[in-house]
Amino acid sequence: MSVVTPLKLYNTLSREREVFAPLDPDNVRLYVCGPTVYDLAHIGNARPLIVFDALYRLLREKYGPDHVTYVRNITDVDDKINARAAERGITIRELTEETNRVFQEDVAALNCLEPNVQPRATEHIAEMIAIIEQLIAKGHAYAADGHVLFDVPSMPDYGALSRRPLEDMIAGARVDVAPYKKGEMDFVLWKPSKEGEPGWDSPWGRGRPGWHIECSAMSHKHLGEVFDIHGGGIDLVFPHHENEIAQTRCAFGHDVMAKVWMHNGFLQVEGEKMSKSLGNFITIHELLHTDKFGGKAWKGEVLRLAMMRSHYRQPIDWTVKALEEAEKTLSRWYGVLRAHGLKAADTAQAPLRAAFVEALCDDLNIPRAMAELHALASKAEPRDSDSQTTKAEAEKLARAASLLGLLQDDPTTWAQRAPEVDVDVTEVKKLVAERLAARKARNFSESDRLRDVLAEMGVKLKDGKDKATGEPTTEWEVA
């Protein structure tokens, strides 16, 4: 275990940051709501994929890769799936298989590790039926007119996760008015299948599950009645996660379903809510393979870094500028590795800086951890007088970035600078070194002259000091 710093996570259930203590350190269990495979995943869907992949990597680092179980489900039975298959004139199976294949390719391009288990809803119908039967037996659900519904008033503390007033929960649940329902908040666990829809035999007739019961069944089968962390987007807090908690707790009789509930914030595109009507709806696949956003296709690692620039609980604005900055940063970091002849795979034994680890363990504060990566990159810039020291810093950079799923490519495949840059890199480095020597010699007139020369070449300088030695430093970039 290389991470000994206590891990603190913000728990949506308690509204507090808590020191994370797993139920079983030998099997830390994480469940995240995955895709409904009726259409390609949009860029908003990428945020929980990247956030919880980062958490998974941190947990593996802290407890060991063999002691963490990550489950991310696939919803392959849903009204949207039925409608989309009918719209396209293909079978439901054809739609879900095709969509899931593209999803898996896109997630891999984002450098996300495969979860230990990716259960499909259609393969867990028996488990759903068993939980529904338990809920009926315990007085928390009832059958009516071919449906089975959860009896919300039977759970006195329903709503503890979202903490919404009753009127807001009623509005947010988008409840259907139906004569067979006892209460307007009651939600469907099982419903009849219409002609041409998927269906399974059950004690209540041929039908299919409601959305919420799917995750309760899959998490129970693969992680147990109570597990460590449940994650997803903030939009799932109500009603989906609230209803998951209700079903699971009432079926198995525990005070909690998961000890910690984590939710990532919303995503906007160029300052506006993403929607097809605004023309700013964009999928991960389009970003990777078309020029729809920013006039070019983007590397998956660029998308990943751009997504990490904001704390996971805060809203994020998805912009072309953010992608361009992420691409530029990665080009610089890869340039550092290339200069030292390094690949991330060669640096697994390099130490992690304490400040970097502390940032990640502070409720997954990736933006703060990124500041440490920038500092490492500055220290790792090759200097003829101190090549061993700078190489050691470059190894630390690659090691830390790898923990975040970054710098996984071959450095030789990345340009020295952004592709559109048209400067003589060798000449720029020579002049920057001469100017740095002039600064150290306190020859400020020569330093200013060289700054002007570089400015004429389109090069912007940033002067600073090495925190450890106090020596002057200079970074450069194309203006």
Protein backbone atom coordinates (compact mmCIF):
# COMPACT_ATOMS: atom_id res chain seq x y z
CA MET A 1 0.00 0.00 0.00
CA SER A 2 1.73 3.18 -1.18
CA VAL A 3 -0.96 5.63 0.00
CA VAL A 4 -1.16 5.90 3.79
CA THR A 5 -2.84 9.33 3.95
CA PRO A 6 -6.41 9.00 5.31
CA LEU A 7 -8.98 9.26 2.52
CA LYS A 8 -11.78 11.77 3.09
CA LEU A 9 -14.88 11.70 0.90
CA TYR A 10 -17.93 13.96 0.79
CA ASN A 11 -20.97 11.82 1.60
CA THR A 12 -24.19 13.10 0.00
CA LEU A 13 -26.14 11.13 2.62
CA SER A 14 -24.62 12.98 5.59
CA ARG A 15 -23.72 16.21 3.72
CA GLU A 16 -20.26 16.00 5.32
CA ARG A 17 -16.73 15.04 4.43
CA GLU A 18 -15.93 11.81 6.25
CA VAL A 19 -12.81 9.72 6.77
CA PHE A 20 -13.39 6.66 4.61
CA ALA A 21 -13.15 3.34 6.48
CA PRO A 22 -14.09 0.35 4.30
CA LEU A 23 -16.32 -2.37 5.66
CA ASP A 24 -13.62 -4.86 4.66
CA PRO A 25 -10.16 -3.52 3.69
CA ASP A 26 -9.56 -6.76 1.80
CA ASN A 27 -12.56 -6.08 -0.45
CA VAL A 28 -13.41 -2.41 -0.90
CA ARG A 29 -16.64 -2.27 -2.91
CA LEU A 30 -17.70 0.48 -5.35
CA TYR A 31 -20.88 0.62 -7.46
CA VAL A 32 -21.54 3.24 -10.15
CA CYS A 33 -24.62 3.62 -12.33
CA GLY A 34 -23.66 2.91 -15.94
CA PRO A 35 -25.27 3.62 -19.31
CA THR A 36 -28.73 2.90 -20.62
CA VAL A 37 -27.69 1.55 -24.01
CA TYR A 38 -30.32 3.13 -26.26
CA ASP A 39 -28.02 5.78 -27.76
CA LEU A 40 -24.37 6.85 -27.75
CA ALA A 41 -23.14 8.32 -24.47
CA HIS A 42 -22.92 12.13 -24.47
CA ILE A 43 -20.07 14.12 -22.99
CA GLY A 44 -22.02 14.65 -19.76
CA ASN A 45 -22.02 10.87 -19.31
CA ALA A 46 -18.22 10.93 -19.55
CA ARG A 47 -17.89 12.87 -16.31
CA PRO A 48 -18.92 10.08 -13.89
CA LEU A 49 -16.94 7.58 -15.99
CA ILE A 50 -13.75 9.62 -15.52
CA VAL A 51 -14.44 10.74 -11.92
CA PHE A 52 -15.09 7.26 -10.60
CA ASP A 53 -12.31 5.74 -12.65
CA ALA A 54 -9.99 8.16 -10.83
CA LEU A 55 -11.47 7.07 -7.51
CA TYR A 56 -11.10 3.40 -8.49
CA ARG A 57 -7.42 3.99 -9.32
CA LEU A 58 -6.88 5.73 -5.97
CA LEU A 59 -8.58 2.91 -4.05
CA ARG A 60 -6.43 0.35 -5.90
CA GLU A 61 -3.32 2.34 -4.99
CA LYS A 62 -4.35 2.56 -1.34
CA TYR A 63 -5.71 -0.95 -0.72
CA GLY A 64 -4.10 -2.96 -3.54
CA PRO A 65 -5.51 -3.85 -6.99
CA ASP A 66 -6.75 -7.24 -5.77
CA HIS A 67 -8.67 -5.72 -2.87
CA VAL A 68 -11.07 -3.41 -4.72
CA THR A 69 -14.23 -4.50 -6.55
CA TYR A 70 -15.72 -2.00 -8.98
CA VAL A 71 -19.15 -2.69 -10.48
CA ARG A 72 -20.64 -0.49 -13.22
CA ASN A 73 -23.93 -1.74 -14.62
CA ILE A 74 -25.40 -1.73 -18.11
CA THR A 75 -29.13 -1.02 -18.39
CA ASP A 76 -30.33 -2.98 -21.41
CA VAL A 77 -34.08 -3.06 -20.69
CA ASP A 78 -35.87 0.28 -20.68
CA ASP A 79 -38.70 2.17 -22.38
CA LYS A 80 -36.17 4.34 -24.27
CA ILE A 81 -34.51 1.23 -25.66
CA ASN A 82 -37.84 -0.15 -26.86
CA ALA A 83 -38.76 3.13 -28.54
CA ARG A 84 -35.38 3.62 -30.22
CA ALA A 85 -35.28 0.06 -31.58
CA ALA A 86 -38.77 0.49 -33.05
CA GLU A 87 -37.78 3.87 -34.51
CA ARG A 88 -34.73 2.35 -36.24
CA GLY A 89 -36.52 -0.83 -37.30
CA ILE A 90 -34.03 -3.16 -35.61
CA THR A 91 -34.33 -5.64 -32.77
CA ILE A 92 -33.78 -4.56 -29.19
CA ARG A 93 -30.83 -6.93 -28.94
CA GLU A 94 -29.22 -5.46 -32.06
CA LEU A 95 -29.60 -1.95 -30.65
CA THR A 96 -28.19 -2.74 -27.20
CA GLU A 97 -25.27 -4.78 -28.55
CA GLU A 98 -24.26 -2.09 -31.04
CA THR A 99 -24.60 0.75 -28.53
CA ASN A 100 -22.71 -1.12 -25.81
CA ARG A 101 -19.87 -1.96 -28.22
CA VAL A 102 -19.36 1.71 -29.09
CA PHE A 103 -19.66 2.67 -25.42
CA GLN A 104 -16.90 0.25 -24.42
CA GLU A 105 -14.62 1.58 -27.18
CA ASP A 106 -15.26 5.19 -26.14
CA VAL A 107 -14.61 4.50 -22.45
CA ALA A 108 -11.36 2.73 -23.29
CA ALA A 109 -10.30 5.78 -25.34
CA LEU A 110 -10.81 7.90 -22.20
CA ASN A 111 -8.20 5.71 -20.45
CA CYS A 112 -10.79 4.29 -18.03
CA LEU A 113 -9.92 0.94 -16.50
CA GLU A 114 -12.44 -1.84 -17.00
CA PRO A 115 -14.60 -2.40 -13.91
CA ASN A 116 -14.30 -5.81 -12.28
CA VAL A 117 -17.91 -6.53 -13.23
CA GLN A 118 -20.23 -4.94 -15.81
CA PRO A 119 -23.56 -6.66 -15.08
CA ARG A 120 -26.41 -6.40 -17.56
CA ALA A 121 -29.93 -5.84 -16.27
CA THR A 122 -31.42 -8.55 -18.50
CA GLU A 123 -29.14 -11.13 -16.87
CA HIS A 124 -30.47 -10.35 -13.37
CA ILE A 125 -34.23 -10.66 -13.74
CA ALA A 126 -34.42 -13.56 -11.27
CA GLU A 127 -32.61 -11.49 -8.64
CA MET A 128 -35.03 -8.59 -9.20
CA ILE A 129 -38.04 -10.83 -8.80
CA ALA A 130 -36.57 -12.25 -5.56
CA ILE A 131 -36.14 -8.77 -4.05
CA ILE A 132 -39.65 -7.75 -5.09
CA GLU A 133 -41.05 -10.86 -3.41
CA GLN A 134 -39.16 -9.96 -0.21
CA LEU A 135 -40.58 -6.43 -0.29
CA ILE A 136 -44.13 -7.74 -0.66
CA ALA A 137 -43.60 -10.24 2.17
CA LYS A 138 -42.35 -7.49 4.48
CA GLY A 139 -45.23 -5.13 3.68
CA HIS A 140 -43.20 -2.64 1.65
CA ALA A 141 -44.72 -3.41 -1.76
CA TYR A 142 -48.03 -4.52 -3.23
CA ALA A 143 -49.29 -6.10 -6.43
CA ALA A 144 -52.08 -4.43 -8.37
CA ASP A 145 -53.38 -4.87 -11.91
CA GLY A 146 -50.29 -6.73 -13.15
CA HIS A 147 -47.99 -4.15 -11.54
CA VAL A 148 -45.97 -4.26 -8.35
CA LEU A 149 -45.34 -0.95 -6.60
CA PHE A 150 -43.19 0.13 -3.68
CA ASP A 151 -45.30 1.51 -0.84
CA VAL A 152 -43.40 4.71 -0.02
CA PRO A 153 -45.28 5.52 3.25
CA SER A 154 -44.13 2.14 4.60
CA MET A 155 -40.61 3.60 4.92
CA PRO A 156 -40.71 6.40 7.53
CA ASP A 157 -37.38 7.99 6.55
CA TYR A 158 -37.86 7.88 2.78
CA GLY A 159 -36.16 10.90 1.22
CA ALA A 160 -33.13 11.03 3.53
CA LEU A 161 -30.65 11.18 0.62
CA SER A 162 -32.23 14.02 -1.35
CA ARG A 163 -33.77 15.80 1.65
CA ARG A 164 -36.48 17.29 -0.53
CA PRO A 165 -39.82 18.56 0.75
CA LEU A 166 -42.70 16.21 -0.07
CA GLU A 167 -44.10 18.56 -2.73
CA ASP A 168 -40.72 18.66 -4.52
CA MET A 169 -40.42 14.87 -4.42
CA ILE A 170 -43.87 14.50 -5.89
CA ALA A 171 -42.97 16.89 -8.71
CA GLY A 172 -39.53 15.37 -9.27
CA ALA A 173 -40.83 11.82 -9.40
CA ARG A 174 -43.07 12.66 -12.38
CA VAL A 175 -45.67 10.37 -10.88
CA ASP A 176 -48.27 8.67 -13.05
CA VAL A 177 -51.90 8.84 -12.02
CA ALA A 178 -53.20 5.27 -11.97
CA PRO A 179 -56.21 3.71 -10.22
CA TYR A 180 -54.13 0.78 -8.90
CA LYS A 181 -51.73 3.02 -6.93
CA LYS A 182 -52.30 3.49 -3.21
CA GLY A 183 -50.23 6.67 -2.97
CA GLU A 184 -49.03 9.19 -5.53
CA MET A 185 -45.37 8.70 -4.53
CA ASP A 186 -45.45 4.90 -4.92
CA PHE A 187 -43.13 3.76 -7.72
CA VAL A 188 -43.08 0.78 -10.04
CA LEU A 189 -41.03 -2.33 -9.30
CA TRP A 190 -42.62 -4.51 -11.99
CA LYS A 191 -45.00 -3.75 -14.86
CA PRO A 192 -46.77 -5.71 -17.60
CA SER A 193 -45.09 -5.97 -21.00
CA LYS A 194 -47.02 -4.89 -24.06
CA GLU A 195 -47.08 -6.81 -27.31
CA GLY A 196 -43.63 -6.71 -28.90
CA GLU A 197 -41.88 -5.56 -25.72
CA PRO A 198 -39.35 -7.67 -23.79
CA GLY A 199 -40.98 -9.66 -21.05
CA TRP A 200 -40.28 -12.32 -18.45
CA ASP A 201 -42.58 -14.63 -16.54
CA SER A 202 -43.16 -13.63 -12.92
CA PRO A 203 -45.62 -14.29 -10.07
CA TRP A 204 -47.51 -11.19 -11.29
CA GLY A 205 -47.71 -12.16 -14.95
CA ARG A 206 -45.43 -11.59 -17.92
CA GLY A 207 -43.69 -8.26 -17.54
CA ARG A 208 -40.45 -6.39 -17.02
CA PRO A 209 -38.75 -4.56 -14.17
CA GLY A 210 -38.89 -0.91 -13.26
CA TRP A 211 -35.66 1.04 -13.64
CA HIS A 212 -34.79 1.44 -9.95
CA ILE A 213 -35.01 -2.25 -8.98
CA GLU A 214 -32.34 -3.12 -11.54
CA CYS A 215 -29.50 -1.45 -9.64
CA SER A 216 -30.67 -2.83 -6.30
CA ALA A 217 -30.51 -6.36 -7.71
CA MET A 218 -27.16 -5.98 -9.48
CA SER A 219 -25.39 -4.26 -6.58
CA HIS A 220 -26.74 -6.87 -4.15
CA LYS A 221 -25.59 -9.81 -6.25
CA HIS A 222 -22.07 -8.53 -6.85
CA LEU A 223 -21.35 -6.43 -3.74
CA GLY A 224 -23.70 -7.64 -1.01
CA GLU A 225 -26.54 -6.18 1.05
CA VAL A 226 -24.38 -3.28 2.28
CA PHE A 227 -21.27 -2.01 0.48
CA ASP A 228 -18.83 0.89 0.67
CA ILE A 229 -19.44 3.50 -2.04
CA HIS A 230 -22.24 4.19 -4.51
CA GLY A 231 -21.57 6.80 -7.18
CA GLY A 232 -23.27 8.59 -10.05
CA GLY A 233 -24.27 11.96 -11.44
CA ILE A 234 -26.05 14.52 -9.27
CA ASP A 235 -29.14 14.13 -11.47
CA LEU A 236 -29.58 10.57 -10.12
CA VAL A 237 -29.98 11.55 -6.47
CA PHE A 238 -33.75 11.73 -6.91
CA PRO A 239 -35.63 9.66 -7.72
CA HIS A 240 -33.23 6.89 -8.82
CA HIS A 241 -30.82 6.66 -5.90
CA GLU A 242 -33.48 7.51 -3.37
CA ASN A 243 -35.57 4.61 -4.65
CA GLU A 244 -32.60 2.25 -4.75
CA ILE A 245 -32.01 2.95 -1.07
CA ALA A 246 -35.67 2.36 -0.25
CA GLN A 247 -35.84 -1.00 -2.05
CA THR A 248 -32.54 -2.35 -0.76
CA ARG A 249 -32.88 -1.25 2.84
CA CYS A 250 -36.46 -2.45 3.17
CA ALA A 251 -35.73 -5.79 1.49
CA PHE A 252 -32.70 -6.62 3.63
CA GLY A 253 -33.41 -4.70 6.82
CA HIS A 254 -30.30 -2.50 7.08
CA ASP A 255 -29.93 1.15 8.05
CA VAL A 256 -27.92 1.91 4.91
CA MET A 257 -27.44 0.50 1.42
CA ALA A 258 -24.00 2.06 0.87
CA LYS A 259 -21.89 3.78 3.52
CA VAL A 260 -20.89 6.64 1.21
CA TRP A 261 -22.86 8.23 -1.64
CA MET A 262 -20.84 10.31 -4.10
CA HIS A 263 -22.23 12.49 -6.90
CA ASN A 264 -20.50 14.50 -9.61
CA GLY A 265 -21.80 17.91 -10.69
CA PHE A 266 -23.60 18.97 -13.87
CA LEU A 267 -21.94 19.75 -17.20
CA GLN A 268 -22.69 22.65 -19.54
CA VAL A 269 -21.41 23.22 -23.07
CA GLU A 270 -19.95 26.67 -23.78
CA GLY A 271 -21.98 28.15 -20.93
CA GLU A 272 -25.33 26.60 -21.87
CA LYS A 273 -27.24 23.51 -20.86
CA MET A 274 -26.60 20.75 -23.38
CA SER A 275 -29.65 20.00 -25.52
CA LYS A 276 -30.40 18.90 -29.06
CA SER A 277 -32.61 21.94 -29.60
CA LEU A 278 -29.63 24.25 -28.98
CA GLY A 279 -27.44 22.22 -31.33
CA ASN A 280 -24.79 21.71 -28.63
CA PHE A 281 -25.58 18.07 -27.84
CA ILE A 282 -22.41 16.10 -28.47
CA THR A 283 -21.42 12.51 -27.82
CA ILE A 284 -18.09 11.15 -26.64
CA HIS A 285 -17.83 9.30 -29.96
CA GLU A 286 -18.26 12.53 -31.95
CA LEU A 287 -15.55 14.27 -29.94
CA LEU A 288 -13.17 11.39 -30.58
CA HIS A 289 -13.90 10.83 -34.27
CA THR A 290 -15.40 13.95 -35.88
CA ASP A 291 -14.73 17.69 -36.20
CA LYS A 292 -18.12 18.67 -34.76
CA PHE A 293 -16.64 20.42 -31.70
CA GLY A 294 -13.73 22.76 -32.27
CA GLY A 295 -13.17 21.76 -35.89
CA LYS A 296 -11.12 18.64 -35.10
CA ALA A 297 -11.22 15.22 -33.50
CA TRP A 298 -9.67 15.08 -30.02
CA LYS A 299 -7.57 12.44 -28.33
CA GLY A 300 -9.33 10.66 -25.48
CA GLU A 301 -6.62 11.73 -23.06
CA VAL A 302 -7.32 15.37 -23.94
CA LEU A 303 -10.99 14.86 -23.04
CA ARG A 304 -9.95 13.20 -19.79
CA LEU A 305 -7.64 16.01 -18.71
CA ALA A 306 -10.16 18.70 -19.68
CA MET A 307 -12.79 16.93 -17.56
CA MET A 308 -10.45 16.90 -14.55
CA ARG A 309 -9.86 20.65 -14.38
CA SER A 310 -12.81 21.23 -12.01
CA HIS A 311 -13.54 19.52 -8.70
CA TYR A 312 -15.87 16.61 -9.36
CA ARG A 313 -18.70 18.02 -7.21
CA GLN A 314 -18.68 21.41 -8.96
CA PRO A 315 -20.41 22.25 -12.27
CA ILE A 316 -18.14 22.20 -15.29
CA ASP A 317 -18.31 24.21 -18.52
CA TRP A 318 -17.21 22.12 -21.51
CA THR A 319 -15.45 24.46 -23.95
CA VAL A 320 -13.17 24.29 -26.98
CA LYS A 321 -10.71 26.48 -25.09
CA ALA A 322 -10.51 23.93 -22.26
CA LEU A 323 -9.73 21.17 -24.76
CA GLU A 324 -7.05 23.29 -26.42
CA GLU A 325 -5.44 24.02 -23.05
CA ALA A 326 -5.56 20.33 -22.08
CA GLU A 327 -3.94 19.36 -25.38
CA LYS A 328 -1.21 21.94 -24.88
CA THR A 329 -0.53 20.72 -21.33
CA LEU A 330 -0.27 17.10 -22.43
CA SER A 331 2.05 18.06 -25.30
CA ARG A 332 4.33 19.77 -22.80
CA TRP A 333 4.28 16.86 -20.34
CA TYR A 334 4.90 14.31 -23.06
CA GLY A 335 7.76 16.51 -24.27
CA VAL A 336 9.34 16.26 -20.81
CA LEU A 337 9.11 12.46 -20.85
CA ARG A 338 10.43 12.29 -24.40
CA ALA A 339 13.42 14.48 -23.52
CA HIS A 340 14.38 12.02 -20.78
CA GLY A 341 13.60 8.91 -22.84
CA LEU A 342 10.83 7.88 -20.42
CA LYS A 343 7.47 6.16 -20.71
CA ALA A 344 4.92 6.04 -17.89
CA ALA A 345 5.23 2.25 -17.74
CA ASP A 346 8.89 2.67 -16.76
CA THR A 347 8.14 4.76 -13.67
CA ALA A 348 5.94 2.48 -11.53
CA GLN A 349 8.49 2.54 -8.69
CA ALA A 350 8.89 6.31 -8.60
CA PRO A 351 7.66 7.90 -5.34
CA LEU A 352 4.47 9.94 -5.18
CA ARG A 353 4.80 13.45 -3.79
CA ALA A 354 3.08 13.85 -0.44
CA ALA A 355 1.24 17.00 -1.57
CA PHE A 356 -0.12 15.16 -4.62
CA VAL A 357 -1.42 12.27 -2.52
CA GLU A 358 -2.89 14.63 0.08
CA ALA A 359 -4.82 16.43 -2.66
CA LEU A 360 -6.34 13.22 -4.01
CA CYS A 361 -7.20 12.00 -0.52
CA ASP A 362 -8.96 15.30 0.20
CA ASP A 363 -12.27 14.33 -1.41
CA LEU A 364 -10.58 13.56 -4.74
CA ASN A 365 -9.32 17.12 -5.21
CA ILE A 366 -7.89 16.54 -8.68
CA PRO A 367 -7.47 20.25 -9.59
CA ARG A 368 -5.14 20.64 -6.60
CA ALA A 369 -3.32 17.46 -7.60
CA MET A 370 -2.93 18.92 -11.11
CA ALA A 371 -1.06 21.88 -9.65
CA GLU A 372 1.47 19.41 -8.30
CA LEU A 373 1.84 17.87 -11.76
CA HIS A 374 2.51 21.30 -13.26
CA ALA A 375 5.16 21.92 -10.61
CA LEU A 376 6.79 18.57 -11.35
CA ALA A 377 6.79 19.31 -15.07
CA SER A 378 8.58 22.62 -14.45
CA LYS A 379 11.23 20.93 -12.32
CA ALA A 380 11.62 18.14 -14.89
CA GLU A 381 12.44 20.40 -17.84
CA PRO A 382 15.86 19.13 -19.05
CA ARG A 383 18.87 21.19 -17.93
CA ASP A 384 22.34 20.10 -18.99
CA SER A 385 23.78 20.94 -15.60
CA ASP A 386 21.39 18.76 -13.62
CA SER A 387 20.09 15.97 -15.87
CA GLN A 388 19.84 13.30 -13.15
CA THR A 389 17.74 15.51 -10.90
CA THR A 390 15.41 16.58 -13.70
CA LYS A 391 15.01 12.97 -14.84
CA ALA A 392 13.99 11.97 -11.31
CA GLU A 393 11.35 14.72 -11.35
CA ALA A 394 10.15 13.51 -14.76
CA GLU A 395 9.74 10.01 -13.32
CA LYS A 396 7.64 11.43 -10.49
CA LEU A 397 5.54 13.34 -13.05
CA ALA A 398 4.85 10.19 -15.07
CA ARG A 399 4.10 8.15 -11.96
CA ALA A 400 1.64 10.67 -10.54
CA ALA A 401 -0.03 11.30 -13.91
CA SER A 402 -0.44 7.54 -14.38
CA LEU A 403 -2.41 7.38 -11.14
CA LEU A 404 -4.87 9.76 -12.80
CA GLY A 405 -4.96 7.78 -16.04
CA LEU A 406 -2.79 10.31 -17.89
CA LEU A 407 0.45 10.09 -19.92
CA GLN A 408 -0.41 6.57 -21.02
CA ASP A 409 0.60 7.04 -24.68
CA ASP A 410 4.03 6.62 -26.24
CA PRO A 411 5.61 10.09 -25.83
CA THR A 412 7.04 9.94 -29.35
CA THR A 413 3.50 10.07 -30.76
CA TRP A 414 2.94 13.55 -29.31
CA ALA A 415 4.29 16.70 -30.97
CA GLN A 416 6.92 18.81 -29.19
CA ARG A 417 4.36 21.58 -29.04
CA ALA A 418 0.85 21.99 -30.35
CA PRO A 419 0.71 20.98 -34.06
CA GLU A 420 0.01 24.52 -35.28
CA VAL A 421 3.18 25.91 -33.65
CA ASP A 422 5.74 27.09 -36.22
CA VAL A 423 8.89 28.02 -34.29
CA ASP A 424 12.42 26.70 -34.24
CA VAL A 425 12.26 24.82 -30.94
CA THR A 426 16.03 24.30 -30.79
CA GLU A 427 16.68 28.02 -31.26
CA VAL A 428 14.01 28.97 -28.71
CA LYS A 429 15.53 26.67 -26.08
CA LYS A 430 18.99 28.10 -26.77
CA LEU A 431 17.78 31.69 -26.33
CA VAL A 432 15.77 30.82 -23.21
CA ALA A 433 18.88 29.22 -21.69
CA GLU A 434 20.99 32.29 -22.57
CA ARG A 435 18.43 34.59 -21.03
CA LEU A 436 18.25 32.46 -17.88
CA ALA A 437 22.05 32.68 -17.59
CA ALA A 438 21.81 36.48 -17.98
CA ARG A 439 19.21 36.63 -15.21
CA LYS A 440 21.39 34.58 -12.89
CA ALA A 441 24.32 36.93 -13.67
CA ARG A 442 22.02 39.91 -12.98
CA ASN A 443 22.67 41.17 -16.50
CA PHE A 444 19.19 42.58 -16.82
CA SER A 445 19.75 44.55 -20.03
CA GLU A 446 20.78 41.35 -21.85
CA SER A 447 17.88 39.50 -20.22
CA ASP A 448 15.43 42.13 -21.48
CA ARG A 449 16.97 42.07 -24.96
CA LEU A 450 16.57 38.30 -25.22
CA ARG A 451 12.98 38.55 -23.93
CA ASP A 452 12.24 41.00 -26.79
CA VAL A 453 13.88 38.68 -29.33
CA LEU A 454 11.78 35.76 -28.14
CA ALA A 455 8.63 37.91 -28.13
CA GLU A 456 9.29 38.78 -31.77
CA MET A 457 9.42 35.04 -32.49
CA GLY A 458 5.98 34.69 -30.87
CA VAL A 459 7.27 33.13 -27.67
CA LYS A 460 5.84 34.04 -24.26
CA LEU A 461 8.01 33.63 -21.13
CA LYS A 462 7.07 32.97 -17.54
CA ASP A 463 9.76 33.59 -14.95
CA GLY A 464 9.77 32.02 -11.52
CA LYS A 465 11.95 30.48 -8.81
CA ASP A 466 12.69 26.89 -7.90
CA LYS A 467 10.97 26.42 -4.52
CA ALA A 468 13.70 24.06 -3.31
CA THR A 469 16.81 26.01 -4.37
CA GLY A 470 15.59 29.56 -4.93
CA GLU A 471 17.27 29.54 -8.35
CA PRO A 472 15.57 31.48 -11.20
CA THR A 473 13.50 29.39 -13.63
CA THR A 474 11.85 30.18 -16.96
CA GLU A 475 9.02 28.42 -18.77
CA TRP A 476 8.06 29.23 -22.35
CA GLU A 477 5.11 28.77 -24.64
CA VAL A 478 3.94 30.05 -27.98
CA ALA A 479 1.81 33.16 -27.43
